[in-house]
Structures are given as C-alpha cells and as structure tokens.
PDB file of N, CA and C in Angstrom:
ATOM      1  N   UNK A   1      92.871 175.345  49.606  1.00  0.00           N
ATOM      2  CA  UNK A   1      92.498 174.119  50.048  1.00  0.00           C
ATOM      3  C   UNK A   1      92.214 172.764  49.482  1.00  0.00           C
ATOM      4  N   UNK A   2      91.168 173.260  48.812  1.00  0.00           N
ATOM      5  CA  UNK A   2      90.427 172.597  48.130  1.00  0.00           C
ATOM      6  C   UNK A   2      91.251 171.695  47.338  1.00  0.00           C
ATOM      7  N   UNK A   3      92.082 172.017  46.376  1.00  0.00           N
ATOM      8  CA  UNK A   3      92.562 171.412  45.231  1.00  0.00           C
ATOM      9  C   UNK A   3      93.892 170.704  46.322  1.00  0.00           C
ATOM     10  N   UNK A   4      94.515 170.983  47.302  1.00  0.00           N
ATOM     11  CA  UNK A   4      95.412 169.983  47.841  1.00  0.00           C
ATOM     12  C   UNK A   4      94.621 169.191  48.416  1.00  0.00           C
ATOM     13  N   UNK A   5      93.546 169.140  49.101  1.00  0.00           N
ATOM     14  CA  UNK A   5      93.024 167.769  49.391  1.00  0.00           C
ATOM     15  C   UNK A   5      92.704 167.116  48.263  1.00  0.00           C
ATOM     16  N   UNK A   6      92.090 167.595  47.513  1.00  0.00           N
ATOM     17  CA  UNK A   6      91.720 166.529  46.356  1.00  0.00           C
ATOM     18  C   UNK A   6      92.720 165.695  45.841  1.00  0.00           C
ATOM     19  N   UNK A   7      94.261 166.474  45.394  1.00  0.00           N
ATOM     20  CA  UNK A   7      95.288 165.965  44.859  1.00  0.00           C
ATOM     21  C   UNK A   7      95.964 164.607  46.185  1.00  0.00           C
ATOM     22  N   UNK A   8      95.751 165.196  46.892  1.00  0.00           N
ATOM     23  CA  UNK A   8      96.204 164.231  48.549  1.00  0.00           C
ATOM     24  C   UNK A   8      95.082 162.782  48.172  1.00  0.00           C
ATOM     25  N   UNK A   9      94.044 163.275  48.043  1.00  0.00           N
ATOM     26  CA  UNK A   9      92.957 162.301  47.956  1.00  0.00           C
ATOM     27  C   UNK A   9      93.349 161.144  46.876  1.00  0.00           C
ATOM     28  N   UNK A  10      93.214 161.796  45.245  1.00  0.00           N
ATOM     29  CA  UNK A  10      93.731 161.044  44.655  1.00  0.00           C
ATOM     30  C   UNK A  10      94.619 160.245  44.378  1.00  0.00           C
ATOM     31  N   UNK A  11      95.784 160.946  44.398  1.00  0.00           N
ATOM     32  CA  UNK A  11      97.189 160.290  44.822  1.00  0.00           C
ATOM     33  C   UNK A  11      97.077 159.283  45.713  1.00  0.00           C
ATOM     34  N   UNK A  12      96.669 159.262  46.820  1.00  0.00           N
ATOM     35  CA  UNK A  12      96.568 158.274  47.723  1.00  0.00           C
ATOM     36  C   UNK A  12      95.549 157.132  47.151  1.00  0.00           C
ATOM     37  N   UNK A  13      94.294 157.267  46.790  1.00  0.00           N
ATOM     38  CA  UNK A  13      93.746 156.620  45.755  1.00  0.00           C
ATOM     39  C   UNK A  13      94.207 155.429  44.778  1.00  0.00           C
ATOM     40  N   UNK A  14      95.171 156.139  44.246  1.00  0.00           N
ATOM     41  CA  UNK A  14      95.983 155.379  43.060  1.00  0.00           C
ATOM     42  C   UNK A  14      97.036 154.741  43.923  1.00  0.00           C
ATOM     43  N   UNK A  15      97.479 154.671  44.592  1.00  0.00           N
ATOM     44  CA  UNK A  15      98.440 153.755  45.406  1.00  0.00           C
ATOM     45  C   UNK A  15      97.596 152.683  45.622  1.00  0.00           C
ATOM     46  N   UNK A  16      96.258 153.259  46.588  1.00  0.00           N
ATOM     47  CA  UNK A  16      95.366 151.913  47.448  1.00  0.00           C
ATOM     48  C   UNK A  16      94.313 151.092  46.641  1.00  0.00           C
ATOM     49  N   UNK A  17      93.694 152.120  45.696  1.00  0.00           N
ATOM     50  CA  UNK A  17      92.543 151.204  45.079  1.00  0.00           C
ATOM     51  C   UNK A  17      92.971 151.035  43.302  1.00  0.00           C
ATOM     52  N   UNK A  18      91.826 150.847  42.995  1.00  0.00           N
ATOM     53  CA  UNK A  18      91.756 150.656  41.557  1.00  0.00           C
ATOM     54  C   UNK A  18      91.706 152.229  40.814  1.00  0.00           C
ATOM     55  N   UNK A  19      91.753 152.142  39.543  1.00  0.00           N
ATOM     56  CA  UNK A  19      91.783 153.396  38.743  1.00  0.00           C
ATOM     57  C   UNK A  19      90.254 154.136  38.545  1.00  0.00           C
ATOM     58  N   UNK A  20      89.569 153.097  38.595  1.00  0.00           N
ATOM     59  CA  UNK A  20      88.021 153.759  38.795  1.00  0.00           C
ATOM     60  C   UNK A  20      87.573 154.493  39.991  1.00  0.00           C
ATOM     61  N   UNK A  21      88.166 153.950  41.077  1.00  0.00           N
ATOM     62  CA  UNK A  21      87.707 154.559  42.675  1.00  0.00           C
ATOM     63  C   UNK A  21      88.484 156.175  42.754  1.00  0.00           C
ATOM     64  N   UNK A  22      89.926 155.691  41.990  1.00  0.00           N
ATOM     65  CA  UNK A  22      90.519 157.281  42.363  1.00  0.00           C
ATOM     66  C   UNK A  22      89.904 158.083  40.729  1.00  0.00           C
ATOM     67  N   UNK A  23      89.594 157.532  40.001  1.00  0.00           N
ATOM     68  CA  UNK A  23      88.194 159.118  39.142  1.00  0.00           C
ATOM     69  C   UNK A  23      87.106 159.158  40.028  1.00  0.00           C
ATOM     70  N   UNK A  24      86.155 158.045  40.672  1.00  0.00           N
ATOM     71  CA  UNK A  24      85.254 158.601  41.265  1.00  0.00           C
ATOM     72  C   UNK A  24      85.590 159.689  42.109  1.00  0.00           C
ATOM     73  N   UNK A  25      86.506 159.790  42.993  1.00  0.00           N
ATOM     74  CA  UNK A  25      86.980 160.917  43.650  1.00  0.00           C
ATOM     75  C   UNK A  25      87.500 162.199  43.089  1.00  0.00           C
ATOM     76  N   UNK A  26      88.049 161.933  42.019  1.00  0.00           N
ATOM     77  CA  UNK A  26      88.642 162.986  41.082  1.00  0.00           C
ATOM     78  C   UNK A  26      87.244 163.861  40.512  1.00  0.00           C
ATOM     79  N   UNK A  27      86.428 162.956  39.898  1.00  0.00           N
ATOM     80  CA  UNK A  27      84.884 163.404  39.215  1.00  0.00           C
ATOM     81  C   UNK A  27      84.393 164.412  40.341  1.00  0.00           C
ATOM     82  N   UNK A  28      84.101 163.738  41.811  1.00  0.00           N
ATOM     83  CA  UNK A  28      83.588 163.999  42.957  1.00  0.00           C
ATOM     84  C   UNK A  28      84.000 165.154  43.207  1.00  0.00           C
ATOM     85  N   UNK A  29      85.406 165.267  43.748  1.00  0.00           N
ATOM     86  CA  UNK A  29      85.835 166.275  44.098  1.00  0.00           C
ATOM     87  C   UNK A  29      86.095 167.633  43.034  1.00  0.00           C
ATOM     88  N   UNK A  30      86.128 167.505  41.699  1.00  0.00           N
ATOM     89  CA  UNK A  30      85.877 168.542  40.580  1.00  0.00           C
ATOM     90  C   UNK A  30      84.379 168.891  40.897  1.00  0.00           C
ATOM     91  N   UNK A  31      83.554 168.265  40.885  1.00  0.00           N
ATOM     92  CA  UNK A  31      82.086 168.325  40.856  1.00  0.00           C
ATOM     93  C   UNK A  31      81.876 169.446  42.093  1.00  0.00           C
ATOM     94  N   UNK A  32      82.235 169.270  43.439  1.00  0.00           N
ATOM     95  CA  UNK A  32      82.078 170.027  44.643  1.00  0.00           C
ATOM     96  C   UNK A  32      82.651 171.278  44.461  1.00  0.00           C
ATOM     97  N   UNK A  33      84.224 170.971  43.957  1.00  0.00           N
ATOM     98  CA  UNK A  33      85.019 172.290  43.791  1.00  0.00           C
ATOM     99  C   UNK A  33      84.457 173.417  43.209  1.00  0.00           C
ATOM    100  N   UNK A  34      83.714 172.985  42.040  1.00  0.00           N
ATOM    101  CA  UNK A  34      82.989 173.982  41.206  1.00  0.00           C
ATOM    102  C   UNK A  34      81.659 174.138  41.371  1.00  0.00           C
ATOM    103  N   UNK A  35      81.135 173.211  42.172  1.00  0.00           N
ATOM    104  CA  UNK A  35      79.846 173.883  42.397  1.00  0.00           C
ATOM    105  C   UNK A  35      79.828 174.956  43.631  1.00  0.00           C
ATOM    106  N   UNK A  36      80.894 174.637  44.631  1.00  0.00           N
ATOM    107  CA  UNK A  36      81.571 175.906  45.660  1.00  0.00           C
ATOM    108  C   UNK A  36      81.804 177.118  45.105  1.00  0.00           C
ATOM    109  N   UNK A  37      82.877 176.792  43.904  1.00  0.00           N
ATOM    110  CA  UNK A  37      83.203 178.184  43.568  1.00  0.00           C
ATOM    111  C   UNK A  37      81.954 178.794  42.663  1.00  0.00           C
ATOM    112  N   UNK A  38      81.041 178.412  42.259  1.00  0.00           N
ATOM    113  CA  UNK A  38      79.657 178.825  41.116  1.00  0.00           C
ATOM    114  C   UNK A  38      78.880 179.296  42.167  1.00  0.00           C
ATOM    115  N   UNK A  39      78.729 178.712  43.169  1.00  0.00           N
ATOM    116  CA  UNK A  39      77.980 179.247  44.679  1.00  0.00           C
ATOM    117  C   UNK A  39      78.488 180.581  45.036  1.00  0.00           C
ATOM    118  N   UNK A  40      80.131 180.592  45.362  1.00  0.00           N
ATOM    119  CA  UNK A  40      80.475 181.984  45.916  1.00  0.00           C
ATOM    120  C   UNK A  40      80.372 182.853  44.569  1.00  0.00           C
ATOM    121  N   UNK A  41      80.462 182.556  43.705  1.00  0.00           N
ATOM    122  CA  UNK A  41      80.377 183.641  42.528  1.00  0.00           C
ATOM    123  C   UNK A  41      78.814 184.139  42.184  1.00  0.00           C
ATOM    124  N   UNK A  42      78.114 183.273  42.480  1.00  0.00           N
ATOM    125  CA  UNK A  42      76.409 183.628  42.488  1.00  0.00           C
ATOM    126  C   UNK A  42      76.320 184.329  43.903  1.00  0.00           C
ATOM    127  N   UNK A  43      77.029 184.225  44.882  1.00  0.00           N
ATOM    128  CA  UNK A  43      76.321 184.980  45.663  1.00  0.00           C
ATOM    129  C   UNK A  43      76.796 186.744  45.612  1.00  0.00           C
ATOM    130  N   UNK A  44      78.288 186.248  45.399  1.00  0.00           N
ATOM    131  CA  UNK A  44      79.034 187.798  45.214  1.00  0.00           C
ATOM    132  C   UNK A  44      78.183 188.677  44.146  1.00  0.00           C
ATOM    133  N   UNK A  45      77.315 188.307  43.169  1.00  0.00           N
ATOM    134  CA  UNK A  45      77.178 188.864  41.891  1.00  0.00           C
ATOM    135  C   UNK A  45      75.899 189.428  42.384  1.00  0.00           C
ATOM    136  N   UNK A  46      75.247 188.434  43.003  1.00  0.00           N
ATOM    137  CA  UNK A  46      73.558 188.864  43.288  1.00  0.00           C
ATOM    138  C   UNK A  46      74.017 190.115  44.408  1.00  0.00           C
ATOM    139  N   UNK A  47      74.719 189.738  45.461  1.00  0.00           N
ATOM    140  CA  UNK A  47      74.920 190.582  46.358  1.00  0.00           C
ATOM    141  C   UNK A  47      75.420 191.886  46.335  1.00  0.00           C
ATOM    142  N   UNK A  48      76.491 192.260  45.357  1.00  0.00           N
ATOM    143  CA  UNK A  48      76.877 193.400  44.559  1.00  0.00           C
ATOM    144  C   UNK A  48      76.143 194.132  43.514  1.00  0.00           C
ATOM    145  N   UNK A  49      75.931 193.360  42.394  1.00  0.00           N
ATOM    146  CA  UNK A  49      75.270 193.970  41.422  1.00  0.00           C
ATOM    147  C   UNK A  49      73.563 193.919  41.346  1.00  0.00           C
ATOM    148  N   UNK A  50      72.717 192.871  42.200  1.00  0.00           N
ATOM    149  CA  UNK A  50      71.637 192.687  42.015  1.00  0.00           C
ATOM    150  C   UNK A  50      70.814 192.797  43.320  1.00  0.00           C
ATOM    151  N   UNK A  51      71.187 193.753  44.471  1.00  0.00           N
ATOM    152  CA  UNK A  51      70.867 193.888  45.788  1.00  0.00           C
ATOM    153  C   UNK A  51      69.198 193.787  45.849  1.00  0.00           C
ATOM    154  N   UNK A  52      68.703 194.465  45.015  1.00  0.00           N
ATOM    155  CA  UNK A  52      67.061 194.600  45.104  1.00  0.00           C
ATOM    156  C   UNK A  52      66.469 193.484  44.634  1.00  0.00           C
ATOM    157  N   UNK A  53      66.872 192.857  43.562  1.00  0.00           N
ATOM    158  CA  UNK A  53      66.382 191.605  43.128  1.00  0.00           C
ATOM    159  C   UNK A  53      66.839 190.453  43.811  1.00  0.00           C
ATOM    160  N   UNK A  54      67.760 190.592  44.972  1.00  0.00           N
ATOM    161  CA  UNK A  54      68.526 189.451  45.582  1.00  0.00           C
ATOM    162  C   UNK A  54      67.895 188.097  45.435  1.00  0.00           C
ATOM    163  N   UNK A  55      66.630 188.135  46.215  1.00  0.00           N
ATOM    164  CA  UNK A  55      66.145 187.242  46.700  1.00  0.00           C
ATOM    165  C   UNK A  55      65.637 186.304  45.274  1.00  0.00           C
ATOM    166  N   UNK A  56      65.518 186.700  44.420  1.00  0.00           N
ATOM    167  CA  UNK A  56      65.104 186.070  43.224  1.00  0.00           C
ATOM    168  C   UNK A  56      65.924 185.712  42.184  1.00  0.00           C
ATOM    169  N   UNK A  57      66.928 186.337  42.284  1.00  0.00           N
ATOM    170  CA  UNK A  57      68.330 186.105  41.546  1.00  0.00           C
ATOM    171  C   UNK A  57      69.118 184.937  42.183  1.00  0.00           C
ATOM    172  N   UNK A  58      69.055 184.808  43.280  1.00  0.00           N
ATOM    173  CA  UNK A  58      69.307 183.932  44.242  1.00  0.00           C
ATOM    174  C   UNK A  58      69.049 182.691  44.132  1.00  0.00           C
ATOM    175  N   UNK A  59      67.892 182.668  44.307  1.00  0.00           N
ATOM    176  CA  UNK A  59      66.794 181.558  44.189  1.00  0.00           C
ATOM    177  C   UNK A  59      67.085 180.799  42.786  1.00  0.00           C
ATOM    178  N   UNK A  60      66.553 181.467  41.535  1.00  0.00           N
ATOM    179  CA  UNK A  60      67.051 180.972  40.152  1.00  0.00           C
ATOM    180  C   UNK A  60      68.288 180.812  40.063  1.00  0.00           C
ATOM    181  N   UNK A  61      69.367 181.375  40.421  1.00  0.00           N
ATOM    182  CA  UNK A  61      70.680 180.476  40.183  1.00  0.00           C
ATOM    183  C   UNK A  61      71.068 179.244  41.199  1.00  0.00           C
ATOM    184  N   UNK A  62      70.464 179.273  42.385  1.00  0.00           N
ATOM    185  CA  UNK A  62      70.152 178.348  43.127  1.00  0.00           C
ATOM    186  C   UNK A  62      69.666 176.623  42.398  1.00  0.00           C
ATOM    187  N   UNK A  63      68.755 176.986  41.539  1.00  0.00           N
ATOM    188  CA  UNK A  63      68.024 175.972  41.020  1.00  0.00           C
ATOM    189  C   UNK A  63      68.551 175.711  40.045  1.00  0.00           C
ATOM    190  N   UNK A  64      69.253 176.761  39.353  1.00  0.00           N
ATOM    191  CA  UNK A  64      70.124 176.582  37.851  1.00  0.00           C
ATOM    192  C   UNK A  64      71.291 175.272  38.319  1.00  0.00           C
ATOM    193  N   UNK A  65      72.013 175.812  39.264  1.00  0.00           N
ATOM    194  CA  UNK A  65      72.858 175.026  39.750  1.00  0.00           C
ATOM    195  C   UNK A  65      72.455 173.470  40.251  1.00  0.00           C
ATOM    196  N   UNK A  66      71.721 173.491  40.855  1.00  0.00           N
ATOM    197  CA  UNK A  66      70.982 172.403  41.538  1.00  0.00           C
ATOM    198  C   UNK A  66      70.913 171.245  40.042  1.00  0.00           C
ATOM    199  N   UNK A  67      70.166 172.020  39.103  1.00  0.00           N
ATOM    200  CA  UNK A  67      69.812 171.298  38.258  1.00  0.00           C
ATOM    201  C   UNK A  67      70.762 170.749  37.350  1.00  0.00           C
ATOM    202  N   UNK A  68      71.772 171.491  37.276  1.00  0.00           N
ATOM    203  CA  UNK A  68      72.887 171.122  36.540  1.00  0.00           C
ATOM    204  C   UNK A  68      74.026 170.102  37.673  1.00  0.00           C
ATOM    205  N   UNK A  69      73.787 170.353  38.694  1.00  0.00           N
ATOM    206  CA  UNK A  69      74.174 169.287  39.142  1.00  0.00           C
ATOM    207  C   UNK A  69      73.657 167.600  39.436  1.00  0.00           C
ATOM    208  N   UNK A  70      72.303 167.888  38.943  1.00  0.00           N
ATOM    209  CA  UNK A  70      71.706 166.402  39.298  1.00  0.00           C
ATOM    210  C   UNK A  70      71.717 165.549  38.213  1.00  0.00           C
ATOM    211  N   UNK A  71      71.788 166.548  37.061  1.00  0.00           N
ATOM    212  CA  UNK A  71      72.202 165.892  35.603  1.00  0.00           C
ATOM    213  C   UNK A  71      73.533 165.256  35.591  1.00  0.00           C
ATOM    214  N   UNK A  72      74.496 165.827  36.151  1.00  0.00           N
ATOM    215  CA  UNK A  72      75.836 165.693  36.064  1.00  0.00           C
ATOM    216  C   UNK A  72      75.964 164.270  36.662  1.00  0.00           C
ATOM    217  N   UNK A  73      75.580 164.344  37.950  1.00  0.00           N
ATOM    218  CA  UNK A  73      75.630 163.221  38.845  1.00  0.00           C
ATOM    219  C   UNK A  73      74.937 161.900  38.297  1.00  0.00           C
ATOM    220  N   UNK A  74      73.382 162.239  37.545  1.00  0.00           N
ATOM    221  CA  UNK A  74      72.872 160.955  37.000  1.00  0.00           C
ATOM    222  C   UNK A  74      73.677 160.467  36.077  1.00  0.00           C
ATOM    223  N   UNK A  75      74.279 161.153  35.198  1.00  0.00           N
ATOM    224  CA  UNK A  75      75.051 160.858  33.992  1.00  0.00           C
ATOM    225  C   UNK A  75      76.002 160.057  34.427  1.00  0.00           C
ATOM    226  N   UNK A  76      76.870 160.727  35.660  1.00  0.00           N
ATOM    227  CA  UNK A  76      78.367 159.621  36.150  1.00  0.00           C
ATOM    228  C   UNK A  76      77.499 158.590  36.849  1.00  0.00           C
ATOM    229  N   UNK A  77      76.438 158.251  37.630  1.00  0.00           N
ATOM    230  CA  UNK A  77      76.190 157.141  38.246  1.00  0.00           C
ATOM    231  C   UNK A  77      75.256 156.284  37.290  1.00  0.00           C
ATOM    232  N   UNK A  78      74.432 156.760  36.541  1.00  0.00           N
ATOM    233  CA  UNK A  78      73.496 155.661  35.582  1.00  0.00           C
ATOM    234  C   UNK A  78      74.411 155.302  34.417  1.00  0.00           C
ATOM    235  N   UNK A  79      75.933 156.072  34.032  1.00  0.00           N
ATOM    236  CA  UNK A  79      76.680 155.321  33.141  1.00  0.00           C
ATOM    237  C   UNK A  79      77.584 154.574  33.814  1.00  0.00           C
ATOM    238  N   UNK A  80      77.559 154.265  35.080  1.00  0.00           N
ATOM    239  CA  UNK A  80      78.392 153.473  35.730  1.00  0.00           C
ATOM    240  C   UNK A  80      79.766 153.656  35.257  1.00  0.00           C
ATOM    241  N   UNK A  81      80.099 154.991  35.725  1.00  0.00           N
ATOM    242  CA  UNK A  81      81.704 155.639  34.944  1.00  0.00           C
ATOM    243  C   UNK A  81      82.887 155.549  36.082  1.00  0.00           C
ATOM    244  N   UNK A  82      82.355 155.728  37.199  1.00  0.00           N
ATOM    245  CA  UNK A  82      82.875 155.565  38.222  1.00  0.00           C
ATOM    246  C   UNK A  82      82.841 154.802  39.185  1.00  0.00           C
ATOM    247  N   UNK A  83      83.470 154.553  40.347  1.00  0.00           N
ATOM    248  CA  UNK A  83      82.869 154.087  41.566  1.00  0.00           C
ATOM    249  C   UNK A  83      82.112 154.820  42.439  1.00  0.00           C
ATOM    250  N   UNK A  84      80.861 154.672  42.918  1.00  0.00           N
ATOM    251  CA  UNK A  84      80.128 155.450  43.646  1.00  0.00           C
ATOM    252  C   UNK A  84      80.733 155.762  44.995  1.00  0.00           C
ATOM    253  N   UNK A  85      81.483 155.051  45.732  1.00  0.00           N
ATOM    254  CA  UNK A  85      82.012 155.177  47.087  1.00  0.00           C
ATOM    255  C   UNK A  85      83.087 156.264  46.648  1.00  0.00           C
ATOM    256  N   UNK A  86      83.939 156.103  45.676  1.00  0.00           N
ATOM    257  CA  UNK A  86      85.073 156.877  45.569  1.00  0.00           C
ATOM    258  C   UNK A  86      84.097 158.759  45.064  1.00  0.00           C
ATOM    259  N   UNK A  87      83.061 158.623  44.250  1.00  0.00           N
ATOM    260  CA  UNK A  87      82.297 159.625  44.081  1.00  0.00           C
ATOM    261  C   UNK A  87      82.149 160.450  45.282  1.00  0.00           C
ATOM    262  N   UNK A  88      81.490 159.849  46.023  1.00  0.00           N
ATOM    263  CA  UNK A  88      80.567 160.437  47.678  1.00  0.00           C
ATOM    264  C   UNK A  88      81.951 160.824  48.027  1.00  0.00           C
ATOM    265  N   UNK A  89      83.077 160.579  48.201  1.00  0.00           N
ATOM    266  CA  UNK A  89      84.232 160.543  49.246  1.00  0.00           C
ATOM    267  C   UNK A  89      84.920 162.151  48.045  1.00  0.00           C
ATOM    268  N   UNK A  90      84.758 162.279  47.077  1.00  0.00           N
ATOM    269  CA  UNK A  90      85.435 163.160  46.282  1.00  0.00           C
ATOM    270  C   UNK A  90      84.151 164.350  46.474  1.00  0.00           C
ATOM    271  N   UNK A  91      82.763 164.113  46.432  1.00  0.00           N
ATOM    272  CA  UNK A  91      82.249 165.261  46.421  1.00  0.00           C
ATOM    273  C   UNK A  91      82.103 165.696  47.820  1.00  0.00           C
ATOM    274  N   UNK A  92      82.514 165.206  49.041  1.00  0.00           N
ATOM    275  CA  UNK A  92      83.022 165.702  50.336  1.00  0.00           C
ATOM    276  C   UNK A  92      84.269 166.457  50.400  1.00  0.00           C
ATOM    277  N   UNK A  93      84.830 166.568  49.394  1.00  0.00           N
ATOM    278  CA  UNK A  93      86.449 167.298  49.368  1.00  0.00           C
ATOM    279  C   UNK A  93      85.814 168.572  50.178  1.00  0.00           C
ATOM    280  N   UNK A  94      84.963 169.453  49.557  1.00  0.00           N
ATOM    281  CA  UNK A  94      84.738 170.737  50.042  1.00  0.00           C
ATOM    282  C   UNK A  94      84.452 170.987  51.690  1.00  0.00           C
ATOM    283  N   UNK A  95      83.638 169.774  51.842  1.00  0.00           N
ATOM    284  CA  UNK A  95      83.097 169.566  53.459  1.00  0.00           C
ATOM    285  C   UNK A  95      84.547 169.395  54.550  1.00  0.00           C
ATOM    286  N   UNK A  96      85.284 168.778  53.765  1.00  0.00           N
ATOM    287  CA  UNK A  96      86.201 167.964  54.485  1.00  0.00           C
ATOM    288  C   UNK A  96      87.383 169.404  54.724  1.00  0.00           C
ATOM    289  N   UNK A  97      87.828 170.051  53.336  1.00  0.00           N
ATOM    290  CA  UNK A  97      88.583 171.544  53.596  1.00  0.00           C
ATOM    291  C   UNK A  97      88.078 172.323  54.475  1.00  0.00           C
ATOM    292  N   UNK A  98      86.774 172.795  54.705  1.00  0.00           N
ATOM    293  CA  UNK A  98      86.153 173.477  55.600  1.00  0.00           C
ATOM    294  C   UNK A  98      86.306 173.034  57.027  1.00  0.00           C
ATOM    295  N   UNK A  99      86.166 171.811  57.385  1.00  0.00           N
ATOM    296  CA  UNK A  99      86.414 171.186  58.805  1.00  0.00           C
ATOM    297  C   UNK A  99      87.905 171.404  58.886  1.00  0.00           C
ATOM    298  N   UNK A 100      88.938 170.972  58.025  1.00  0.00           N
ATOM    299  CA  UNK A 100      90.604 171.172  58.464  1.00  0.00           C
ATOM    300  C   UNK A 100      90.921 172.576  58.607  1.00  0.00           C
ATOM    301  N   UNK A 101      90.345 173.331  57.594  1.00  0.00           N
ATOM    302  CA  UNK A 101      90.726 174.837  57.756  1.00  0.00           C
ATOM    303  C   UNK A 101      90.267 175.587  58.726  1.00  0.00           C
ATOM    304  N   UNK A 102      88.854 174.980  59.635  1.00  0.00           N
ATOM    305  CA  UNK A 102      88.184 175.560  60.950  1.00  0.00           C
ATOM    306  C   UNK A 102      89.237 175.156  62.023  1.00  0.00           C
ATOM    307  N   UNK A 103      89.648 173.849  61.895  1.00  0.00           N
ATOM    308  CA  UNK A 103      90.579 173.114  63.008  1.00  0.00           C
ATOM    309  C   UNK A 103      91.996 173.963  62.952  1.00  0.00           C
ATOM    310  N   UNK A 104      92.277 173.965  61.640  1.00  0.00           N
ATOM    311  CA  UNK A 104      93.832 174.848  61.606  1.00  0.00           C
ATOM    312  C   UNK A 104      93.738 176.388  62.393  1.00  0.00           C
ATOM    313  N   UNK A 105      92.470 177.320  62.236  1.00  0.00           N
ATOM    314  CA  UNK A 105      92.223 178.310  62.367  1.00  0.00           C
ATOM    315  C   UNK A 105      91.952 178.433  64.127  1.00  0.00           C
ATOM    316  N   UNK A 106      91.170 177.521  64.387  1.00  0.00           N
ATOM    317  CA  UNK A 106      91.065 176.897  66.031  1.00  0.00           C
ATOM    318  C   UNK A 106      92.701 177.025  66.934  1.00  0.00           C
ATOM    319  N   UNK A 107      93.459 176.248  66.141  1.00  0.00           N
ATOM    320  CA  UNK A 107      94.460 175.546  66.831  1.00  0.00           C
ATOM    321  C   UNK A 107      95.479 176.937  66.581  1.00  0.00           C
ATOM    322  N   UNK A 108      95.226 177.397  65.502  1.00  0.00           N
ATOM    323  CA  UNK A 108      96.198 178.857  65.650  1.00  0.00           C
ATOM    324  C   UNK A 108      95.635 180.261  66.398  1.00  0.00           C
ATOM    325  N   UNK A 109      94.470 179.965  66.833  1.00  0.00           N
ATOM    326  CA  UNK A 109      93.891 180.977  67.752  1.00  0.00           C
ATOM    327  C   UNK A 109      94.361 180.707  69.193  1.00  0.00           C
ATOM    328  N   UNK A 110      94.061 179.335  69.733  1.00  0.00           N
ATOM    329  CA  UNK A 110      94.592 178.814  70.841  1.00  0.00           C
ATOM    330  C   UNK A 110      95.827 179.030  71.149  1.00  0.00           C
ATOM    331  N   UNK A 111      96.669 178.641  70.232  1.00  0.00           N
ATOM    332  CA  UNK A 111      98.485 179.082  70.155  1.00  0.00           C
ATOM    333  C   UNK A 111      98.624 180.739  70.636  1.00  0.00           C
ATOM    334  N   UNK A 112      97.837 181.233  69.869  1.00  0.00           N
ATOM    335  CA  UNK A 112      97.873 182.940  69.982  1.00  0.00           C
ATOM    336  C   UNK A 112      97.788 183.461  71.356  1.00  0.00           C
ATOM    337  N   UNK A 113      96.504 182.680  71.950  1.00  0.00           N
ATOM    338  CA  UNK A 113      95.929 182.971  73.327  1.00  0.00           C
ATOM    339  C   UNK A 113      96.611 182.457  74.496  1.00  0.00           C
ATOM    340  N   UNK A 114      97.640 181.411  74.226  1.00  0.00           N
ATOM    341  CA  UNK A 114      98.546 180.840  75.428  1.00  0.00           C
ATOM    342  C   UNK A 114      99.461 181.305  75.043  1.00  0.00           C
ATOM    343  N   UNK A 115     100.129 182.281  73.996  1.00  0.00           N
ATOM    344  CA  UNK A 115     101.407 183.104  73.710  1.00  0.00           C
ATOM    345  C   UNK A 115     101.521 184.319  74.874  1.00  0.00           C
ATOM    346  N   UNK A 116     100.114 184.709  75.001  1.00  0.00           N
ATOM    347  CA  UNK A 116      99.869 186.305  75.573  1.00  0.00           C
ATOM    348  C   UNK A 116      99.875 186.094  77.260  1.00  0.00           C
TER     349      UNK A 116
END
C-alpha cells in the first residue's frame, strides 16, 4: 500500500506541480518507507534472535536509525535539493497508508457484520 500511495502522489504532483515538488514527495516517501521497513526488520530481529537483550538491542538500533534519518534529512533540506512541503507530504506516506488501510479494514468488517 505504501508503494501504491507514493506512486499516486508522485504522478499526481508531476501533473500539478513542479518537478522539485515531486522530487520532494519521492524523497520523503522513500525515506519514510525505508525507515518503516528498517524498523520492522529491527523489531523482528530483536524479538526472534535477541530476546534476552531485546531492550538494549532495540534502543541501539532505534538511535542508529534515528541518526541516519537526521543526517539524510539535514543533507536534503540544507542542500535545498527538494521542496520542503513536498518532502513533508512524502514523509507522511506511511501514516497515510496506515490510516487508509485501517479505514478499508473497518469498512470491510462493517460490511461483513451487516451481511449477517
């Protein structure tokens, strides 16, 4: 769902805004999706392999991920590479995807309950 939403936003922004704005959405979307997958794999790895050291391992990986994210965002924003509003919209892709998926799941659940 993340990739579909990012594609829709980038294509839509290419039609309506500048390429710099679209690049901001693309960069923000890629950063948020990669960050989300990195978090998923860290949690999966910590709780399946390092259960006895879960807290330390999770915190270490969290701070590592946060540090990388800060440096990447600093580089993008300070270099004036993309439109900041587009970047913020792109960074919201995962949140929008979660909200959209939740709405779909709840509406599906309601339709099943109504059919009974």
